[in-house]
């Protein structure tokens, strides 16, 4: 199965999930992440504001922010993701692709080494850390700039595949957590 076929299959699988199933699995993912040693020791994390068809990690954003950690969220600028510091839900605005984005200050690329953990969405994952994105390469380009960060993919169970087709530019996760 090539990437295009895999994306189509996963879109169909996700469309069959009820809101209750999406919420239950998102909560389970957050529970597992919060129980991990890496999360307990994280001071700075790059997360994401979920689209309707992505695992909702809002609970993780709230948890790290409440305990005084630095939450970074990506903003889409052209073909790249620029990281901004999250300063609360009231300081969010709708950006590219109708995704809520923080309006806080930019987290400079020279400081990327301070990021402990990156929580990454995707269309599909496998148990070897393979990740299939939406096809534009936003995250793969960003993740190449974060070689020393722990990369954790998160997804619903229907997004797990036996094997995700990986190409040279694709970046593997250290761990994948699913609902």
N, C-alpha and C. Protein backbone atom coordinates (compact mmCIF):
# COMPACT_ATOMS: atom_id res chain seq x y z
N UNK A 1 0.85 -1.18 0.00
CA UNK A 1 0.00 0.00 0.00
C UNK A 1 0.89 1.24 0.00
N UNK A 2 0.66 2.17 -0.90
CA UNK A 2 1.47 3.38 -0.93
C UNK A 2 0.88 4.42 0.03
N UNK A 3 1.56 5.56 0.16
CA UNK A 3 1.14 6.58 1.12
C UNK A 3 -0.26 7.11 0.83
N UNK A 4 -0.55 7.34 -0.44
CA UNK A 4 -1.85 7.88 -0.82
C UNK A 4 -2.97 6.91 -0.42
N UNK A 5 -2.77 5.63 -0.71
CA UNK A 5 -3.78 4.62 -0.35
C UNK A 5 -3.94 4.51 1.16
N UNK A 6 -2.82 4.59 1.88
CA UNK A 6 -2.86 4.49 3.34
C UNK A 6 -3.61 5.69 3.93
N UNK A 7 -3.37 6.88 3.41
CA UNK A 7 -4.09 8.05 3.89
C UNK A 7 -5.60 7.90 3.67
N UNK A 8 -5.98 7.40 2.50
CA UNK A 8 -7.39 7.20 2.19
C UNK A 8 -8.01 6.20 3.16
N UNK A 9 -7.33 5.09 3.40
CA UNK A 9 -7.83 4.06 4.31
C UNK A 9 -8.00 4.61 5.73
N UNK A 10 -7.01 5.34 6.21
CA UNK A 10 -7.07 5.89 7.57
C UNK A 10 -8.16 6.96 7.67
N UNK A 11 -8.33 7.78 6.65
CA UNK A 11 -9.42 8.77 6.66
C UNK A 11 -10.77 8.07 6.82
N UNK A 12 -10.95 6.96 6.08
CA UNK A 12 -12.20 6.19 6.17
C UNK A 12 -12.38 5.63 7.58
N UNK A 13 -11.32 5.07 8.14
CA UNK A 13 -11.39 4.51 9.49
C UNK A 13 -11.74 5.58 10.52
N UNK A 14 -11.08 6.74 10.42
CA UNK A 14 -11.34 7.82 11.38
C UNK A 14 -12.77 8.33 11.25
N UNK A 15 -13.29 8.40 10.03
CA UNK A 15 -14.65 8.89 9.80
C UNK A 15 -15.69 7.99 10.46
N UNK A 16 -15.36 6.74 10.67
CA UNK A 16 -16.29 5.79 11.27
C UNK A 16 -16.32 5.87 12.80
N UNK A 17 -15.36 6.59 13.39
CA UNK A 17 -15.35 6.73 14.85
C UNK A 17 -16.41 7.72 15.30
N UNK A 18 -17.11 7.39 16.36
CA UNK A 18 -18.08 8.32 16.93
C UNK A 18 -17.33 9.37 17.75
N UNK A 19 -18.01 10.48 18.05
CA UNK A 19 -17.41 11.51 18.90
C UNK A 19 -17.01 10.91 20.25
N UNK A 20 -17.84 10.03 20.76
CA UNK A 20 -17.56 9.38 22.05
C UNK A 20 -16.28 8.54 21.97
N UNK A 21 -16.11 7.79 20.89
CA UNK A 21 -14.90 6.98 20.72
C UNK A 21 -13.67 7.87 20.58
N UNK A 22 -13.77 8.94 19.82
CA UNK A 22 -12.64 9.87 19.65
C UNK A 22 -12.24 10.46 20.99
N UNK A 23 -13.24 10.88 21.76
CA UNK A 23 -12.98 11.47 23.07
C UNK A 23 -12.38 10.45 24.03
N UNK A 24 -12.94 9.24 24.06
CA UNK A 24 -12.44 8.20 24.96
C UNK A 24 -10.99 7.85 24.63
N UNK A 25 -10.69 7.68 23.34
CA UNK A 25 -9.33 7.32 22.95
C UNK A 25 -8.36 8.48 23.18
N UNK A 26 -8.80 9.72 22.94
CA UNK A 26 -7.94 10.87 23.21
C UNK A 26 -7.62 10.94 24.71
N UNK A 27 -8.63 10.72 25.54
CA UNK A 27 -8.41 10.72 26.99
C UNK A 27 -7.44 9.63 27.41
N UNK A 28 -7.56 8.47 26.79
CA UNK A 28 -6.67 7.35 27.10
C UNK A 28 -5.23 7.67 26.69
N UNK A 29 -5.06 8.28 25.53
CA UNK A 29 -3.73 8.70 25.09
C UNK A 29 -3.13 9.67 26.11
N UNK A 30 -3.91 10.66 26.51
CA UNK A 30 -3.41 11.65 27.48
C UNK A 30 -3.06 11.00 28.81
N UNK A 31 -3.88 10.05 29.24
CA UNK A 31 -3.60 9.34 30.50
C UNK A 31 -2.26 8.61 30.41
N UNK A 32 -2.04 7.91 29.31
CA UNK A 32 -0.79 7.15 29.13
C UNK A 32 0.42 8.09 29.08
N UNK A 33 0.28 9.19 28.35
CA UNK A 33 1.40 10.14 28.25
C UNK A 33 1.72 10.72 29.62
N UNK A 34 0.68 11.15 30.35
CA UNK A 34 0.89 11.76 31.66
C UNK A 34 1.52 10.79 32.66
N UNK A 35 1.31 9.50 32.47
CA UNK A 35 1.88 8.49 33.37
C UNK A 35 3.34 8.17 33.03
N UNK A 36 3.83 8.66 31.89
CA UNK A 36 5.19 8.31 31.45
C UNK A 36 6.25 9.14 32.18
N UNK A 37 7.42 8.55 32.34
CA UNK A 37 8.54 9.26 32.96
C UNK A 37 8.94 10.48 32.14
N UNK A 38 8.94 10.34 30.82
CA UNK A 38 9.35 11.47 29.98
C UNK A 38 8.43 12.67 30.23
N UNK A 39 7.12 12.44 30.35
CA UNK A 39 6.20 13.54 30.60
C UNK A 39 6.43 14.15 31.98
N UNK A 40 6.64 13.30 32.96
CA UNK A 40 6.84 13.78 34.33
C UNK A 40 8.07 14.67 34.44
N UNK A 41 9.05 14.44 33.59
CA UNK A 41 10.30 15.21 33.64
C UNK A 41 10.36 16.34 32.60
N UNK A 42 9.30 16.51 31.84
CA UNK A 42 9.28 17.53 30.78
C UNK A 42 9.03 18.92 31.36
N UNK A 43 9.89 19.84 30.95
CA UNK A 43 9.72 21.25 31.33
C UNK A 43 9.28 22.09 30.13
N UNK A 44 9.70 21.68 28.93
CA UNK A 44 9.34 22.38 27.69
C UNK A 44 8.90 21.34 26.67
N UNK A 45 7.68 21.50 26.15
CA UNK A 45 7.16 20.53 25.18
C UNK A 45 6.50 21.24 24.02
N UNK A 46 6.69 20.68 22.85
CA UNK A 46 5.98 21.10 21.65
C UNK A 46 4.79 20.18 21.50
N UNK A 47 3.59 20.74 21.54
CA UNK A 47 2.36 19.99 21.35
C UNK A 47 1.66 20.53 20.12
N UNK A 48 0.38 20.30 19.98
CA UNK A 48 -0.38 20.84 18.85
C UNK A 48 -1.82 21.04 19.28
N UNK A 49 -2.50 21.94 18.60
CA UNK A 49 -3.92 22.17 18.82
C UNK A 49 -4.64 21.28 17.83
N UNK A 50 -5.41 20.31 18.31
CA UNK A 50 -5.96 19.25 17.46
C UNK A 50 -7.05 19.72 16.50
N UNK A 51 -6.99 19.18 15.31
CA UNK A 51 -8.08 19.29 14.36
C UNK A 51 -9.14 18.26 14.78
N UNK A 52 -10.32 18.35 14.19
CA UNK A 52 -11.42 17.44 14.54
C UNK A 52 -11.05 15.97 14.33
N UNK A 53 -10.18 15.70 13.36
CA UNK A 53 -9.83 14.31 13.07
C UNK A 53 -8.47 13.90 13.66
N UNK A 54 -8.04 14.60 14.71
CA UNK A 54 -6.77 14.29 15.37
C UNK A 54 -7.01 14.01 16.85
N UNK A 55 -6.11 13.26 17.43
CA UNK A 55 -6.14 13.00 18.86
C UNK A 55 -6.07 14.33 19.61
N UNK A 56 -7.03 14.56 20.50
CA UNK A 56 -7.10 15.79 21.27
C UNK A 56 -6.12 15.72 22.43
N UNK A 57 -5.10 16.57 22.42
CA UNK A 57 -4.10 16.60 23.48
C UNK A 57 -4.25 17.85 24.35
N UNK A 58 -5.43 18.45 24.32
CA UNK A 58 -5.69 19.64 25.13
C UNK A 58 -5.42 19.42 26.60
N UNK A 59 -5.71 18.23 27.09
CA UNK A 59 -5.46 17.89 28.49
C UNK A 59 -3.96 17.98 28.82
N UNK A 60 -3.12 17.60 27.87
CA UNK A 60 -1.67 17.68 28.08
C UNK A 60 -1.21 19.14 28.08
N UNK A 61 -1.77 19.92 27.17
CA UNK A 61 -1.45 21.35 27.12
C UNK A 61 -1.80 21.99 28.46
N UNK A 62 -3.02 21.72 28.93
CA UNK A 62 -3.48 22.28 30.21
C UNK A 62 -2.60 21.82 31.37
N UNK A 63 -2.22 20.54 31.38
CA UNK A 63 -1.43 19.99 32.48
C UNK A 63 -0.06 20.65 32.57
N UNK A 64 0.66 20.70 31.45
CA UNK A 64 2.00 21.27 31.46
C UNK A 64 1.95 22.77 31.76
N UNK A 65 1.00 23.46 31.18
CA UNK A 65 0.85 24.90 31.41
C UNK A 65 0.55 25.18 32.88
N UNK A 66 -0.35 24.38 33.48
CA UNK A 66 -0.74 24.57 34.88
C UNK A 66 0.42 24.33 35.84
N UNK A 67 1.33 23.44 35.47
CA UNK A 67 2.46 23.18 36.37
C UNK A 67 3.68 24.05 36.05
N UNK A 68 3.46 25.08 35.25
CA UNK A 68 4.50 26.07 35.00
C UNK A 68 5.50 25.70 33.93
N UNK A 69 5.21 24.65 33.17
CA UNK A 69 6.09 24.28 32.07
C UNK A 69 5.85 25.18 30.87
N UNK A 70 6.75 25.13 29.93
CA UNK A 70 6.59 25.93 28.71
C UNK A 70 5.94 25.06 27.64
N UNK A 71 4.80 25.52 27.15
CA UNK A 71 4.08 24.84 26.09
C UNK A 71 4.32 25.60 24.80
N UNK A 72 4.77 24.89 23.80
CA UNK A 72 4.98 25.47 22.47
C UNK A 72 3.96 24.85 21.53
N UNK A 73 3.42 25.67 20.64
CA UNK A 73 2.49 25.19 19.63
C UNK A 73 2.96 25.71 18.27
N UNK A 74 2.78 24.90 17.23
CA UNK A 74 3.21 25.34 15.90
C UNK A 74 2.22 26.29 15.25
N UNK A 75 2.75 27.21 14.50
CA UNK A 75 1.94 28.07 13.63
C UNK A 75 2.44 27.85 12.21
N UNK A 76 1.54 27.87 11.28
CA UNK A 76 1.88 27.62 9.88
C UNK A 76 2.22 28.94 9.19
N UNK A 77 3.45 29.03 8.69
CA UNK A 77 3.90 30.21 7.97
C UNK A 77 4.48 29.72 6.64
N UNK A 78 3.72 29.92 5.58
CA UNK A 78 4.16 29.41 4.27
C UNK A 78 4.22 27.90 4.31
N UNK A 79 5.40 27.35 4.00
CA UNK A 79 5.59 25.90 4.00
C UNK A 79 6.26 25.41 5.27
N UNK A 80 6.34 26.25 6.27
CA UNK A 80 7.04 25.88 7.50
C UNK A 80 6.17 26.04 8.73
N UNK A 81 6.57 25.34 9.79
CA UNK A 81 5.96 25.51 11.09
C UNK A 81 6.87 26.38 11.94
N UNK A 82 6.33 27.45 12.48
CA UNK A 82 7.05 28.33 13.38
C UNK A 82 6.47 28.09 14.77
N UNK A 83 7.34 27.95 15.76
CA UNK A 83 6.88 27.66 17.11
C UNK A 83 6.61 28.94 17.88
N UNK A 84 5.47 28.95 18.57
CA UNK A 84 5.11 30.08 19.42
C UNK A 84 4.84 29.59 20.83
N UNK A 85 5.06 30.46 21.79
CA UNK A 85 4.84 30.14 23.19
C UNK A 85 3.35 30.29 23.50
N UNK A 86 2.77 29.25 24.07
CA UNK A 86 1.36 29.25 24.46
C UNK A 86 1.21 30.05 25.74
N UNK A 87 0.25 30.98 25.73
CA UNK A 87 0.01 31.85 26.90
C UNK A 87 -1.44 31.78 27.35
N UNK A 88 -2.10 30.66 27.09
CA UNK A 88 -3.49 30.48 27.50
C UNK A 88 -4.44 30.52 26.32
N UNK A 89 -5.61 29.92 26.54
CA UNK A 89 -6.61 29.80 25.47
C UNK A 89 -7.10 31.15 24.96
N UNK A 90 -7.09 32.15 25.85
CA UNK A 90 -7.57 33.48 25.43
C UNK A 90 -6.61 34.16 24.47
N UNK A 91 -5.40 33.63 24.33
CA UNK A 91 -4.42 34.21 23.41
C UNK A 91 -4.19 33.29 22.21
N UNK A 92 -5.29 32.78 21.67
CA UNK A 92 -5.25 31.94 20.48
C UNK A 92 -6.06 32.64 19.39
N UNK A 93 -5.69 32.39 18.13
CA UNK A 93 -6.41 32.95 16.99
C UNK A 93 -6.45 31.89 15.89
N UNK A 94 -7.43 31.97 15.02
CA UNK A 94 -7.53 31.02 13.91
C UNK A 94 -6.50 31.40 12.86
N UNK A 95 -5.67 30.41 12.50
CA UNK A 95 -4.61 30.63 11.52
C UNK A 95 -4.84 29.82 10.26
N UNK A 96 -3.74 29.44 9.64
CA UNK A 96 -3.78 28.67 8.40
C UNK A 96 -4.54 27.36 8.61
N UNK A 97 -5.24 26.91 7.59
CA UNK A 97 -5.99 25.65 7.61
C UNK A 97 -7.06 25.63 8.71
N UNK A 98 -7.49 26.82 9.16
CA UNK A 98 -8.50 26.95 10.22
C UNK A 98 -8.08 26.28 11.52
N UNK A 99 -6.79 26.30 11.81
CA UNK A 99 -6.25 25.73 13.04
C UNK A 99 -6.02 26.86 14.03
N UNK A 100 -6.45 26.64 15.28
CA UNK A 100 -6.18 27.63 16.32
C UNK A 100 -4.68 27.67 16.58
N UNK A 101 -4.14 28.88 16.63
CA UNK A 101 -2.70 29.07 16.83
C UNK A 101 -2.47 30.10 17.93
N UNK A 102 -1.39 29.94 18.69
CA UNK A 102 -1.09 30.94 19.71
C UNK A 102 -0.61 32.24 19.08
N UNK A 103 -0.86 33.33 19.76
CA UNK A 103 -0.43 34.64 19.28
C UNK A 103 0.78 35.15 20.07
N UNK A 104 1.28 34.33 20.99
CA UNK A 104 2.42 34.71 21.82
C UNK A 104 3.70 34.83 21.02
N UNK A 105 4.78 35.09 21.74
CA UNK A 105 6.05 35.33 21.07
C UNK A 105 6.60 34.06 20.40
N UNK A 106 7.39 34.27 19.37
CA UNK A 106 8.02 33.17 18.64
C UNK A 106 9.11 32.56 19.53
N UNK A 107 9.17 31.24 19.53
CA UNK A 107 10.22 30.51 20.22
C UNK A 107 11.34 30.34 19.20
N UNK A 108 12.44 30.99 19.44
CA UNK A 108 13.51 31.08 18.44
C UNK A 108 14.17 29.72 18.16
N UNK A 109 14.55 29.53 16.92
CA UNK A 109 15.18 28.28 16.50
C UNK A 109 16.46 27.99 17.28
N UNK A 110 17.17 29.03 17.68
CA UNK A 110 18.41 28.84 18.45
C UNK A 110 18.13 28.19 19.82
N UNK A 111 16.87 28.23 20.27
CA UNK A 111 16.49 27.64 21.56
C UNK A 111 15.85 26.26 21.44
N UNK A 112 15.79 25.70 20.23
CA UNK A 112 15.15 24.41 20.03
C UNK A 112 15.76 23.31 20.90
N UNK A 113 17.02 23.44 21.26
CA UNK A 113 17.68 22.44 22.11
C UNK A 113 17.09 22.36 23.51
N UNK A 114 16.28 23.34 23.90
CA UNK A 114 15.65 23.34 25.23
C UNK A 114 14.35 22.53 25.26
N UNK A 115 13.91 22.08 24.10
CA UNK A 115 12.66 21.31 24.03
C UNK A 115 12.94 19.87 24.47
N UNK A 116 12.21 19.42 25.49
CA UNK A 116 12.39 18.06 26.01
C UNK A 116 11.61 17.03 25.22
N UNK A 117 10.41 17.39 24.81
CA UNK A 117 9.47 16.43 24.24
C UNK A 117 8.67 17.08 23.13
N UNK A 118 8.44 16.31 22.06
CA UNK A 118 7.58 16.74 20.97
C UNK A 118 6.46 15.70 20.85
N UNK A 119 5.22 16.16 20.98
CA UNK A 119 4.05 15.30 20.79
C UNK A 119 3.57 15.57 19.37
N UNK A 120 3.55 14.51 18.54
CA UNK A 120 3.34 14.68 17.10
C UNK A 120 2.07 13.97 16.63
N UNK A 121 1.20 14.69 15.91
CA UNK A 121 0.05 14.03 15.31
C UNK A 121 0.47 13.37 14.00
N UNK A 122 -0.41 12.58 13.43
CA UNK A 122 -0.13 11.98 12.14
C UNK A 122 -1.37 11.30 11.59
N UNK A 123 -1.30 10.90 10.35
CA UNK A 123 -2.40 10.14 9.75
C UNK A 123 -2.34 8.69 10.18
N UNK A 124 -1.11 8.15 10.23
CA UNK A 124 -0.92 6.74 10.61
C UNK A 124 0.45 6.56 11.23
N UNK A 125 0.55 5.55 12.07
CA UNK A 125 1.81 5.20 12.73
C UNK A 125 1.96 3.69 12.72
N UNK A 126 3.19 3.23 12.96
CA UNK A 126 3.41 1.80 13.20
C UNK A 126 4.19 1.64 14.50
N UNK A 127 4.36 0.40 14.93
CA UNK A 127 4.99 0.14 16.23
C UNK A 127 6.50 0.33 16.21
N UNK A 128 7.07 0.62 15.05
CA UNK A 128 8.52 0.89 14.96
C UNK A 128 8.80 2.38 14.90
N UNK A 129 7.77 3.18 15.16
CA UNK A 129 7.95 4.63 15.14
C UNK A 129 7.73 5.27 13.79
N UNK A 130 7.32 4.49 12.82
CA UNK A 130 7.01 5.06 11.51
C UNK A 130 5.81 5.97 11.59
N UNK A 131 5.86 7.08 10.86
CA UNK A 131 4.77 8.06 10.87
C UNK A 131 4.44 8.48 9.45
N UNK A 132 3.15 8.53 9.17
CA UNK A 132 2.65 9.05 7.90
C UNK A 132 1.89 10.33 8.21
N UNK A 133 2.34 11.44 7.64
CA UNK A 133 1.67 12.72 7.85
C UNK A 133 0.59 12.96 6.81
N UNK A 134 0.18 14.19 6.71
CA UNK A 134 -0.88 14.55 5.76
C UNK A 134 -0.36 14.75 4.34
N UNK A 135 0.97 14.78 4.17
CA UNK A 135 1.53 14.83 2.83
C UNK A 135 2.22 16.11 2.44
N UNK A 136 2.23 17.10 3.32
CA UNK A 136 2.88 18.36 2.98
C UNK A 136 4.29 18.46 3.56
N UNK A 137 4.66 17.57 4.48
CA UNK A 137 6.01 17.54 5.02
C UNK A 137 6.30 18.57 6.11
N UNK A 138 5.27 19.26 6.61
CA UNK A 138 5.49 20.28 7.65
C UNK A 138 6.26 19.72 8.85
N UNK A 139 5.74 18.63 9.42
CA UNK A 139 6.38 18.10 10.62
C UNK A 139 7.74 17.49 10.34
N UNK A 140 7.90 16.80 9.23
CA UNK A 140 9.20 16.20 8.93
C UNK A 140 10.28 17.28 8.81
N UNK A 141 9.97 18.39 8.17
CA UNK A 141 10.96 19.48 8.07
C UNK A 141 11.28 20.05 9.45
N UNK A 142 10.25 20.22 10.28
CA UNK A 142 10.47 20.74 11.63
C UNK A 142 11.26 19.74 12.48
N UNK A 143 10.88 18.47 12.44
CA UNK A 143 11.52 17.46 13.29
C UNK A 143 13.00 17.29 12.97
N UNK A 144 13.39 17.55 11.74
CA UNK A 144 14.82 17.48 11.38
C UNK A 144 15.62 18.56 12.14
N UNK A 145 14.95 19.63 12.56
CA UNK A 145 15.61 20.70 13.32
C UNK A 145 15.63 20.38 14.82
N UNK A 146 15.04 19.24 15.21
CA UNK A 146 14.93 18.85 16.62
C UNK A 146 15.51 17.46 16.84
N UNK A 147 16.78 17.24 16.46
CA UNK A 147 17.32 15.88 16.52
C UNK A 147 17.45 15.32 17.94
N UNK A 148 17.57 16.18 18.94
CA UNK A 148 17.80 15.70 20.31
C UNK A 148 16.54 15.65 21.16
N UNK A 149 15.39 15.99 20.60
CA UNK A 149 14.13 15.95 21.35
C UNK A 149 13.54 14.55 21.28
N UNK A 150 12.88 14.16 22.34
CA UNK A 150 12.15 12.88 22.36
C UNK A 150 10.87 13.09 21.55
N UNK A 151 10.67 12.27 20.53
CA UNK A 151 9.54 12.41 19.64
C UNK A 151 8.51 11.33 19.92
N UNK A 152 7.31 11.76 20.32
CA UNK A 152 6.24 10.83 20.67
C UNK A 152 5.05 11.07 19.76
N UNK A 153 4.73 10.08 18.95
CA UNK A 153 3.55 10.15 18.11
C UNK A 153 2.33 9.75 18.91
N UNK A 154 1.19 10.38 18.66
CA UNK A 154 -0.05 10.03 19.34
C UNK A 154 -1.15 9.85 18.31
N UNK A 155 -2.03 8.86 18.56
CA UNK A 155 -3.10 8.58 17.61
C UNK A 155 -4.19 7.72 18.23
N UNK A 156 -5.28 7.60 17.50
CA UNK A 156 -6.34 6.67 17.87
C UNK A 156 -5.94 5.29 17.37
N UNK A 157 -6.54 4.25 17.93
CA UNK A 157 -6.17 2.87 17.58
C UNK A 157 -6.35 2.58 16.09
N UNK A 158 -7.35 3.18 15.45
CA UNK A 158 -7.59 2.91 14.03
C UNK A 158 -6.49 3.47 13.13
N UNK A 159 -5.61 4.28 13.68
CA UNK A 159 -4.53 4.87 12.89
C UNK A 159 -3.25 4.02 12.94
N UNK A 160 -3.25 2.98 13.75
CA UNK A 160 -2.08 2.11 13.82
C UNK A 160 -2.09 1.14 12.64
N UNK A 161 -0.94 1.06 11.97
CA UNK A 161 -0.80 0.18 10.81
C UNK A 161 0.31 -0.81 11.09
N UNK A 162 0.32 -1.90 10.36
CA UNK A 162 1.40 -2.89 10.52
C UNK A 162 2.74 -2.26 10.15
N UNK A 163 2.73 -1.52 9.03
CA UNK A 163 3.95 -0.83 8.63
C UNK A 163 3.58 0.40 7.81
N UNK A 164 4.21 1.52 8.17
CA UNK A 164 4.03 2.77 7.43
C UNK A 164 5.20 2.90 6.45
N UNK A 165 4.89 3.23 5.21
CA UNK A 165 5.93 3.44 4.20
C UNK A 165 6.75 4.67 4.62
N UNK A 166 8.05 4.47 4.76
CA UNK A 166 8.95 5.56 5.17
C UNK A 166 9.92 5.86 4.03
N UNK A 167 10.13 7.16 3.80
CA UNK A 167 11.11 7.59 2.82
C UNK A 167 12.24 8.31 3.56
N UNK A 168 13.28 8.66 2.86
CA UNK A 168 14.47 9.24 3.47
C UNK A 168 14.17 10.51 4.27
N UNK A 169 13.23 11.34 3.79
CA UNK A 169 12.94 12.60 4.47
C UNK A 169 12.00 12.44 5.67
N UNK A 170 11.42 11.24 5.85
CA UNK A 170 10.49 11.00 6.95
C UNK A 170 11.25 10.75 8.25
N UNK A 171 10.71 11.26 9.36
CA UNK A 171 11.35 11.15 10.66
C UNK A 171 10.57 10.17 11.53
N UNK A 172 11.29 9.22 12.11
CA UNK A 172 10.67 8.23 13.01
C UNK A 172 10.47 8.81 14.41
N UNK A 173 9.47 8.28 15.09
CA UNK A 173 9.19 8.62 16.47
C UNK A 173 9.98 7.67 17.39
N UNK A 174 10.33 8.16 18.58
CA UNK A 174 10.92 7.27 19.56
C UNK A 174 9.85 6.36 20.18
N UNK A 175 8.61 6.85 20.19
CA UNK A 175 7.52 6.12 20.81
C UNK A 175 6.21 6.54 20.15
N UNK A 176 5.27 5.61 20.10
CA UNK A 176 3.92 5.92 19.61
C UNK A 176 2.94 5.49 20.69
N UNK A 177 2.04 6.40 21.08
CA UNK A 177 1.03 6.12 22.09
C UNK A 177 -0.33 6.20 21.39
N UNK A 178 -1.12 5.12 21.52
CA UNK A 178 -2.45 5.13 20.92
C UNK A 178 -3.50 4.78 21.95
N UNK A 179 -4.74 5.12 21.62
CA UNK A 179 -5.87 4.94 22.54
C UNK A 179 -6.35 3.51 22.61
